[in-house]
Amino acid sequence: MNIAVGLSGGVDSSVAALLLKEQGHHVVGLFMQNWHNTEGTLHGYCEWEEERMIAEMVAKKLDIPFHFVDLSETYRQRVVDYMFAEYGRGRTPNPDVLCNREIKFDAFMQYALDLGVDAVATGHYVRSEPVADGRVRLLAGVDPHKDQSYFLCQLSQAQLSKAVFPVGHLHKSQVRQRAAEAALPSAKKKDSQGICFVGKVDLPLFLQQQLAVKEGPVVEIFRSYYDSPYKRLELFDGVDAPAGLIERAAPYGYRLDSGKKIGVHQGAHFYTIGQRKGLGIGGHVKPLFVVDTDVRENIVYVGEGQEHLGLLRSALFIAASDIHWVAPEWALQVGEQGSFEVRIRYRQPLQKAMLYRVPQGLFIDFEQPQRGITPGQFAAWYRGEELIGSGVIF
């Protein structure tokens, strides 16, 4: 089988190529550059020069062909522009999920297939399993600390049918060991961090490329506010739902006079619900967390302590246009409901929940209240080890 491996310069993709070659496949190494701009990056460059060099060294070590492709314009259009737009609306996107859907398993995959390969492999810690009807099951990686299925929660069956995940059955320590045994140049390279293909960034500085600095108040919301809270039920006007679901899914609503002004920020669009760092406000026994942002009025609302009531919500909503079924045979039809396990962020332990399909979308009703439900992020739901579907939190 002819397989192109997305060599990133990291140890995971390097071992993926090693394993495929050992299995007798014809392997091609393919490195993609997706970002040029260094503004806002903490290293002053995107590290891609070093990563390309290591990837090329790995290909030479394994004696496989090496190709380079620049997808930076596509990445800017499909990932970065979307990210700026979402932050500008006061929402928090997940660029890594988008990068996998739009770049690695779309633009990059198409480029690789045009080279004449049969499939594309990556170093993701996930597993795929074909079933009798031609469908592909997407399963969590064996290593619970490295499972990356959440980041692939937007892949389609067409994409999965051409994808290979050689390291999903291994633990990270085993991957490191295999790399060391094979003397791969990436064996001791640290895992990459930060935004996919951009690297570690000072997020406010990075966002200032397109979003203006705008000074506004930081308002602390005290516990007494929740004795008679205001819920933003108007967000769900026209939405049908079982009794009580809208009340559980609706976020709290705040106004400037809901609490006390305790500081100044540089732009509400630079903050996200649940954020702790970057506020620069002291004088509290417990840390302050962002409980809400209002980009229209340019107000950041905060609360003291990670158990602050403003951080907790029992349900969330996904608009119909944002529902994606990785496993279409599990798709809920309007009026149906089902029990699943859900996570709303990477590495969060799976949470028990009921999913309710209504004409306007999908409600996820958790068994236990969740901390930091954030509009723009992805919720992903599972049955056992299998990733079933996902959607953008409303």
Protein backbone atom coordinates (compact mmCIF):
# COMPACT_ATOMS: atom_id res chain seq x y z
CA MET A 1 0.00 0.00 0.00
CA ASN A 2 1.29 3.50 -0.83
CA ILE A 3 0.94 5.76 2.21
CA ALA A 4 1.95 9.38 2.70
CA VAL A 5 2.91 10.23 6.27
CA GLY A 6 2.48 13.78 7.47
CA LEU A 7 5.97 14.20 8.92
CA SER A 8 5.84 17.11 11.34
CA GLY A 9 9.34 16.77 12.74
CA GLY A 10 7.89 15.30 15.96
CA VAL A 11 8.42 11.86 17.41
CA ASP A 12 4.85 10.61 16.87
CA SER A 13 4.73 11.08 13.10
CA SER A 14 8.30 9.78 12.81
CA VAL A 15 7.40 6.51 14.53
CA ALA A 16 4.23 6.31 12.42
CA ALA A 17 6.45 6.30 9.32
CA LEU A 18 8.80 3.77 10.91
CA LEU A 19 5.99 1.35 11.75
CA LEU A 20 4.42 1.59 8.30
CA LYS A 21 7.73 0.89 6.62
CA GLU A 22 8.32 -2.11 8.90
CA GLN A 23 4.90 -3.40 7.87
CA GLY A 24 6.01 -3.40 4.23
CA HIS A 25 4.17 -0.32 2.94
CA HIS A 26 5.66 2.08 0.42
CA VAL A 27 5.99 5.21 2.57
CA VAL A 28 6.35 8.82 1.45
CA GLY A 29 7.21 11.61 3.90
CA LEU A 30 5.35 14.87 3.42
CA PHE A 31 5.99 18.04 5.42
CA MET A 32 3.55 20.94 5.26
CA GLN A 33 4.19 24.55 6.16
CA ASN A 34 1.07 26.41 7.19
CA TRP A 35 2.22 29.62 8.80
CA HIS A 36 4.72 32.40 8.02
CA ASN A 37 3.75 35.31 10.25
CA THR A 38 5.76 35.46 13.51
CA GLU A 39 3.85 38.31 15.16
CA GLY A 40 2.67 37.25 18.61
CA THR A 41 4.67 34.00 18.67
CA LEU A 42 6.74 33.54 21.82
CA HIS A 43 9.79 32.22 19.97
CA GLY A 44 9.79 34.92 17.27
CA TYR A 45 9.39 32.25 14.61
CA CYS A 46 7.03 29.35 14.04
CA GLU A 47 9.74 26.72 14.55
CA TRP A 48 8.88 25.30 11.14
CA GLU A 49 12.44 25.64 9.83
CA GLU A 50 13.77 23.36 12.56
CA GLU A 51 10.80 21.00 12.24
CA ARG A 52 11.24 20.70 8.48
CA MET A 53 14.94 19.95 8.96
CA ILE A 54 14.18 17.19 11.48
CA ALA A 55 11.41 15.76 9.28
CA GLU A 56 13.80 15.63 6.33
CA MET A 57 16.42 13.93 8.51
CA VAL A 58 13.85 11.34 9.59
CA ALA A 59 12.92 10.64 5.98
CA LYS A 60 16.60 10.20 5.12
CA LYS A 61 17.11 7.89 8.09
CA LEU A 62 14.15 5.75 7.01
CA ASP A 63 15.19 5.96 3.34
CA ILE A 64 11.82 7.25 2.16
CA PRO A 65 11.00 10.03 -0.36
CA PHE A 66 10.44 13.48 1.14
CA HIS A 67 8.12 16.20 -0.15
CA PHE A 68 7.32 19.73 1.01
CA VAL A 69 4.05 21.61 0.50
CA ASP A 70 3.13 25.16 1.50
CA LEU A 71 -0.52 25.36 2.53
CA SER A 72 -0.22 28.65 4.41
CA GLU A 73 -2.77 30.54 2.32
CA THR A 74 -5.36 27.79 2.72
CA TYR A 75 -4.62 27.63 6.46
CA ARG A 76 -5.05 31.38 6.80
CA GLN A 77 -8.39 31.33 4.99
CA ARG A 78 -9.89 28.26 6.65
CA VAL A 79 -8.45 28.37 10.16
CA VAL A 80 -6.89 31.69 11.16
CA ASP A 81 -9.53 33.97 9.61
CA TYR A 82 -12.23 31.88 11.28
CA MET A 83 -10.39 32.11 14.59
CA PHE A 84 -10.15 35.91 14.40
CA ALA A 85 -13.83 36.16 13.45
CA GLU A 86 -14.95 33.97 16.35
CA TYR A 87 -12.91 35.88 18.93
CA GLY A 88 -14.31 39.09 17.50
CA ARG A 89 -17.81 37.77 18.21
CA GLY A 90 -16.89 36.96 21.81
CA ARG A 91 -16.62 33.22 21.15
CA THR A 92 -13.67 30.87 21.68
CA PRO A 93 -12.84 28.63 18.71
CA ASN A 94 -10.66 25.52 18.71
CA PRO A 95 -8.15 25.95 15.87
CA ASP A 96 -6.72 22.44 16.33
CA VAL A 97 -10.07 20.80 15.56
CA LEU A 98 -10.47 23.05 12.51
CA CYS A 99 -6.92 22.37 11.37
CA ASN A 100 -7.57 18.63 11.31
CA ARG A 101 -10.87 18.97 9.46
CA GLU A 102 -9.82 21.66 6.98
CA ILE A 103 -6.09 21.14 6.50
CA LYS A 104 -4.56 17.82 7.56
CA PHE A 105 -7.45 15.66 6.37
CA ASP A 106 -8.64 17.88 3.54
CA ALA A 107 -6.18 20.17 1.73
CA PHE A 108 -3.13 18.18 2.81
CA MET A 109 -4.85 14.84 2.21
CA GLN A 110 -5.89 15.91 -1.28
CA TYR A 111 -2.35 17.02 -2.09
CA ALA A 112 -1.03 13.64 -0.92
CA LEU A 113 -3.64 11.68 -2.86
CA ASP A 114 -2.73 13.64 -5.98
CA LEU A 115 0.79 12.26 -5.58
CA GLY A 116 -0.72 8.82 -6.17
CA VAL A 117 -0.83 7.41 -2.64
CA ASP A 118 -3.69 5.28 -1.31
CA ALA A 119 -3.94 6.80 2.16
CA VAL A 120 -2.55 9.41 4.53
CA ALA A 121 -1.08 8.62 7.95
CA THR A 122 -0.52 10.92 10.92
CA GLY A 123 0.89 10.50 14.40
CA HIS A 124 -2.41 11.05 16.19
CA TYR A 125 -3.11 8.89 19.23
CA VAL A 126 -6.37 7.45 17.92
CA ARG A 127 -7.44 4.20 16.30
CA SER A 128 -9.65 3.51 13.31
CA GLU A 129 -11.52 0.30 12.66
CA PRO A 130 -13.31 -0.58 9.40
CA VAL A 131 -16.61 -2.42 9.76
CA ALA A 132 -18.55 -4.67 7.41
CA ASP A 133 -20.71 -1.97 5.81
CA GLY A 134 -17.69 0.05 4.70
CA ARG A 135 -17.94 2.51 7.57
CA VAL A 136 -14.93 3.37 9.71
CA ARG A 137 -15.15 3.58 13.50
CA LEU A 138 -13.00 6.24 15.14
CA LEU A 139 -11.76 4.98 18.51
CA ALA A 140 -9.90 6.62 21.37
CA GLY A 141 -6.15 6.02 21.60
CA VAL A 142 -4.99 3.33 24.02
CA ASP A 143 -2.95 5.84 26.06
CA PRO A 144 -5.56 7.67 28.18
CA HIS A 145 -3.16 10.57 28.74
CA LYS A 146 -2.55 11.09 25.01
CA ASP A 147 -5.88 10.17 23.40
CA GLN A 148 -6.45 12.79 20.68
CA SER A 149 -9.83 11.67 19.37
CA TYR A 150 -11.37 14.96 20.55
CA PHE A 151 -9.23 16.84 18.02
CA LEU A 152 -10.58 14.64 15.21
CA CYS A 153 -14.22 15.03 16.23
CA GLN A 154 -15.15 16.82 12.99
CA LEU A 155 -13.80 14.25 10.54
CA SER A 156 -16.15 12.68 8.01
CA GLN A 157 -16.44 9.08 6.91
CA ALA A 158 -14.85 10.04 3.58
CA GLN A 159 -11.84 11.45 5.40
CA LEU A 160 -11.55 8.49 7.76
CA SER A 161 -11.67 6.04 4.86
CA LYS A 162 -8.33 7.44 3.63
CA ALA A 163 -6.71 7.93 7.05
CA VAL A 164 -4.25 5.68 8.90
CA PHE A 165 -3.21 6.07 12.55
CA PRO A 166 -0.19 3.82 13.20
CA VAL A 167 0.58 4.83 16.83
CA GLY A 168 -2.94 4.80 18.27
CA HIS A 169 -2.41 1.36 19.85
CA LEU A 170 0.74 2.52 21.68
CA HIS A 171 1.49 4.53 24.79
CA LYS A 172 3.67 7.61 24.49
CA SER A 173 6.49 5.89 26.36
CA GLN A 174 6.44 3.06 23.81
CA VAL A 175 6.62 5.54 20.95
CA ARG A 176 9.61 7.24 22.55
CA GLN A 177 11.25 3.86 23.03
CA ARG A 178 10.74 2.84 19.40
CA ALA A 179 12.16 6.15 18.23
CA ALA A 180 15.23 5.74 20.42
CA GLU A 181 15.77 2.13 19.30
CA ALA A 182 15.65 3.25 15.67
CA ALA A 183 17.90 6.26 16.41
CA LEU A 184 15.40 8.62 14.82
CA PRO A 185 16.48 12.29 14.87
CA SER A 186 13.17 13.22 16.55
CA ALA A 187 13.51 10.70 19.40
CA LYS A 188 14.15 13.31 22.11
CA LYS A 189 12.21 16.21 20.59
CA LYS A 190 9.68 17.72 22.97
CA ASP A 191 6.00 17.69 22.03
CA SER A 192 4.77 20.80 20.24
CA GLN A 193 2.51 23.21 22.11
CA GLY A 194 0.22 26.09 21.26
CA ILE A 195 -1.94 26.73 18.21
CA CYS A 196 -1.70 24.10 15.48
CA PHE A 197 1.14 25.11 13.07
CA VAL A 198 1.49 28.54 14.69
CA GLY A 199 3.07 27.44 17.97
CA LYS A 200 3.02 29.03 21.39
CA VAL A 201 1.61 32.53 21.25
CA ASP A 202 0.83 35.50 23.43
CA LEU A 203 -2.85 35.24 22.50
CA PRO A 204 -3.88 38.90 23.03
CA LEU A 205 -0.82 40.05 21.04
CA PHE A 206 -1.54 37.49 18.33
CA LEU A 207 -5.18 38.54 18.10
CA GLN A 208 -4.20 42.22 17.90
CA GLN A 209 -3.16 41.55 14.30
CA GLN A 210 -6.85 41.99 13.47
CA LEU A 211 -8.68 42.86 16.70
CA ALA A 212 -8.20 46.33 18.16
CA VAL A 213 -7.26 47.08 21.76
CA LYS A 214 -10.23 48.67 23.50
CA GLU A 215 -10.18 49.52 27.19
CA GLY A 216 -13.20 48.48 29.26
CA PRO A 217 -14.27 47.56 32.81
CA VAL A 218 -13.71 44.31 34.68
CA VAL A 219 -16.76 43.68 36.86
CA GLU A 220 -16.76 41.21 39.74
CA ILE A 221 -19.99 39.22 40.23
CA PHE A 222 -20.59 38.22 43.84
CA ARG A 223 -22.39 35.13 45.10
CA SER A 224 -25.35 37.20 46.30
CA TYR A 225 -26.21 37.91 42.66
CA TYR A 226 -27.41 34.32 42.23
CA ASP A 227 -30.16 34.71 44.83
CA SER A 228 -32.25 36.18 41.99
CA PRO A 229 -30.23 35.52 38.82
CA TYR A 230 -31.06 36.60 35.30
CA LYS A 231 -30.91 33.77 32.75
CA ARG A 232 -30.54 34.64 29.06
CA LEU A 233 -33.60 32.72 27.92
CA GLU A 234 -34.06 35.08 24.96
CA LEU A 235 -31.15 33.31 23.24
CA PHE A 236 -33.49 30.36 22.72
CA ASP A 237 -36.50 32.18 21.32
CA GLY A 238 -38.24 29.85 18.88
CA VAL A 239 -36.39 26.75 20.11
CA ASP A 240 -38.50 23.74 21.12
CA ALA A 241 -37.20 21.75 24.07
CA PRO A 242 -38.33 19.35 26.82
CA ALA A 243 -39.37 21.10 30.03
CA GLY A 244 -36.52 22.77 31.91
CA LEU A 245 -33.83 22.19 29.29
CA ILE A 246 -33.64 25.76 28.09
CA GLU A 247 -33.33 27.02 31.68
CA ARG A 248 -30.45 24.61 32.30
CA ALA A 249 -28.72 25.47 29.01
CA ALA A 250 -29.13 29.25 29.19
CA PRO A 251 -26.11 31.16 30.54
CA TYR A 252 -26.44 33.75 33.26
CA GLY A 253 -26.93 37.30 32.08
CA TYR A 254 -25.05 40.24 33.59
CA ARG A 255 -25.09 44.03 33.32
CA LEU A 256 -22.59 46.66 34.36
CA ASP A 257 -24.50 47.17 37.63
CA SER A 258 -24.64 43.43 38.42
CA GLY A 259 -21.46 43.66 40.46
CA LYS A 260 -18.52 45.89 41.29
CA LYS A 261 -15.96 47.35 38.92
CA ILE A 262 -12.55 46.14 40.12
CA GLY A 263 -10.25 46.75 37.16
CA VAL A 264 -9.70 47.52 33.51
CA HIS A 265 -9.09 45.22 30.54
CA GLN A 266 -7.81 45.86 27.01
CA GLY A 267 -10.63 44.23 25.04
CA ALA A 268 -13.38 41.79 26.00
CA HIS A 269 -12.69 39.77 22.82
CA PHE A 270 -9.28 38.79 24.24
CA TYR A 271 -10.86 36.82 27.10
CA THR A 272 -12.71 33.53 27.35
CA ILE A 273 -15.02 31.94 29.91
CA GLY A 274 -13.08 30.06 32.57
CA GLN A 275 -9.88 32.02 31.94
CA ARG A 276 -7.74 32.64 35.01
CA LYS A 277 -4.48 34.15 33.81
CA GLY A 278 -4.06 37.57 32.25
CA LEU A 279 -6.47 39.55 34.42
CA GLY A 280 -3.76 41.20 36.51
CA ILE A 281 -6.06 41.86 39.47
CA GLY A 282 -5.03 40.96 43.03
CA GLY A 283 -6.49 41.35 46.49
CA HIS A 284 -8.59 38.16 46.51
CA VAL A 285 -8.30 35.05 48.66
CA LYS A 286 -9.04 32.76 45.70
CA PRO A 287 -8.12 33.26 42.03
CA LEU A 288 -10.44 35.23 39.77
CA PHE A 289 -11.99 33.55 36.74
CA VAL A 290 -13.80 35.02 33.76
CA VAL A 291 -17.48 34.03 34.03
CA ASP A 292 -18.72 35.95 30.97
CA THR A 293 -17.73 38.52 28.37
CA ASP A 294 -19.84 41.09 26.56
CA VAL A 295 -18.03 42.19 23.40
CA ARG A 296 -20.80 44.60 22.40
CA GLU A 297 -20.55 46.59 25.64
CA ASN A 298 -16.87 45.61 26.09
CA ILE A 299 -17.25 44.26 29.63
CA VAL A 300 -15.44 41.34 31.26
CA TYR A 301 -17.27 39.69 34.17
CA VAL A 302 -15.27 37.75 36.75
CA GLY A 303 -15.92 35.70 39.88
CA GLU A 304 -13.75 34.49 42.75
CA GLY A 305 -12.93 30.78 42.99
CA GLN A 306 -13.17 27.91 40.52
CA GLU A 307 -16.53 26.81 41.98
CA HIS A 308 -18.12 30.19 41.34
CA LEU A 309 -21.72 29.67 40.26
CA GLY A 310 -21.20 31.72 37.11
CA LEU A 311 -18.85 29.03 35.82
CA LEU A 312 -21.33 26.18 36.22
CA ARG A 313 -24.05 25.08 33.83
CA SER A 314 -25.99 21.82 33.53
CA ALA A 315 -26.75 21.78 29.80
CA LEU A 316 -25.66 23.23 26.47
CA PHE A 317 -27.12 23.68 23.00
CA ILE A 318 -25.76 23.01 19.51
CA ALA A 319 -27.48 24.58 16.49
CA ALA A 320 -28.72 22.15 13.83
CA SER A 321 -26.22 23.44 11.26
CA ASP A 322 -23.34 22.72 13.65
CA ILE A 323 -24.18 19.07 14.45
CA HIS A 324 -21.74 16.57 12.98
CA TRP A 325 -22.06 12.79 13.16
CA VAL A 326 -18.75 10.95 12.80
CA ALA A 327 -20.79 7.74 13.04
CA PRO A 328 -23.92 8.50 10.96
CA GLU A 329 -25.76 5.34 12.00
CA TRP A 330 -26.00 6.77 15.55
CA ALA A 331 -27.52 10.06 14.37
CA LEU A 332 -30.51 11.15 16.42
CA GLN A 333 -33.56 12.25 14.47
CA VAL A 334 -35.82 15.09 15.60
CA GLY A 335 -37.74 13.94 18.66
CA GLU A 336 -35.21 11.25 19.59
CA GLN A 337 -32.93 11.17 22.60
CA GLY A 338 -29.99 9.04 23.67
CA SER A 339 -27.49 8.47 26.46
CA PHE A 340 -23.86 9.29 25.63
CA GLU A 341 -20.61 10.29 27.30
CA VAL A 342 -19.46 13.80 26.46
CA ARG A 343 -16.42 16.03 26.80
CA ILE A 344 -16.32 19.76 26.18
CA ARG A 345 -12.53 20.14 26.10
CA TYR A 346 -9.44 18.07 25.39
CA ARG A 347 -8.44 15.66 28.18
CA GLN A 348 -11.59 16.30 30.17
CA PRO A 349 -12.86 13.02 31.64
CA LEU A 350 -15.97 11.84 29.82
CA GLN A 351 -19.20 13.07 31.40
CA LYS A 352 -22.53 11.22 31.37
CA ALA A 353 -25.27 13.10 29.54
CA MET A 354 -28.54 12.78 27.65
CA LEU A 355 -28.75 14.16 24.13
CA TYR A 356 -32.09 15.53 22.90
CA ARG A 357 -32.62 16.26 19.19
CA VAL A 358 -35.05 19.10 18.54
CA PRO A 359 -35.95 20.80 15.22
CA GLN A 360 -33.54 23.65 15.87
CA GLY A 361 -30.59 21.59 17.07
CA LEU A 362 -29.32 19.39 19.87
CA PHE A 363 -29.39 19.78 23.65
CA ILE A 364 -26.81 18.04 25.84
CA ASP A 365 -28.09 17.63 29.39
CA PHE A 366 -25.33 16.58 31.80
CA GLU A 367 -25.75 14.35 34.82
CA GLN A 368 -23.47 16.75 36.73
CA PRO A 369 -23.08 20.52 36.17
CA GLN A 370 -20.10 21.41 33.97
CA ARG A 371 -17.52 24.09 34.59
CA GLY A 372 -16.65 26.58 31.87
CA ILE A 373 -19.03 25.70 29.03
CA THR A 374 -17.68 28.01 26.34
CA PRO A 375 -19.46 29.15 23.15
CA GLY A 376 -17.41 28.37 20.05
CA GLN A 377 -15.70 25.32 21.54
CA PHE A 378 -16.58 21.78 20.49
CA ALA A 379 -18.56 19.23 22.46
CA ALA A 380 -17.80 15.62 21.44
CA TRP A 381 -19.86 12.59 22.39
CA TYR A 382 -18.89 8.94 22.66
CA ARG A 383 -20.28 5.44 23.11
CA GLY A 384 -17.60 3.53 24.94
CA GLU A 385 -14.34 4.00 23.02
CA GLU A 386 -16.02 5.18 19.84
CA LEU A 387 -16.35 8.84 18.95
CA ILE A 388 -19.90 9.30 17.68
CA GLY A 389 -20.32 12.98 16.91
CA SER A 390 -19.57 16.57 17.80
CA GLY A 391 -20.83 20.11 17.47
CA VAL A 392 -20.01 23.75 18.13
CA ILE A 393 -21.32 24.97 21.48
CA PHE A 394 -23.91 27.72 21.02
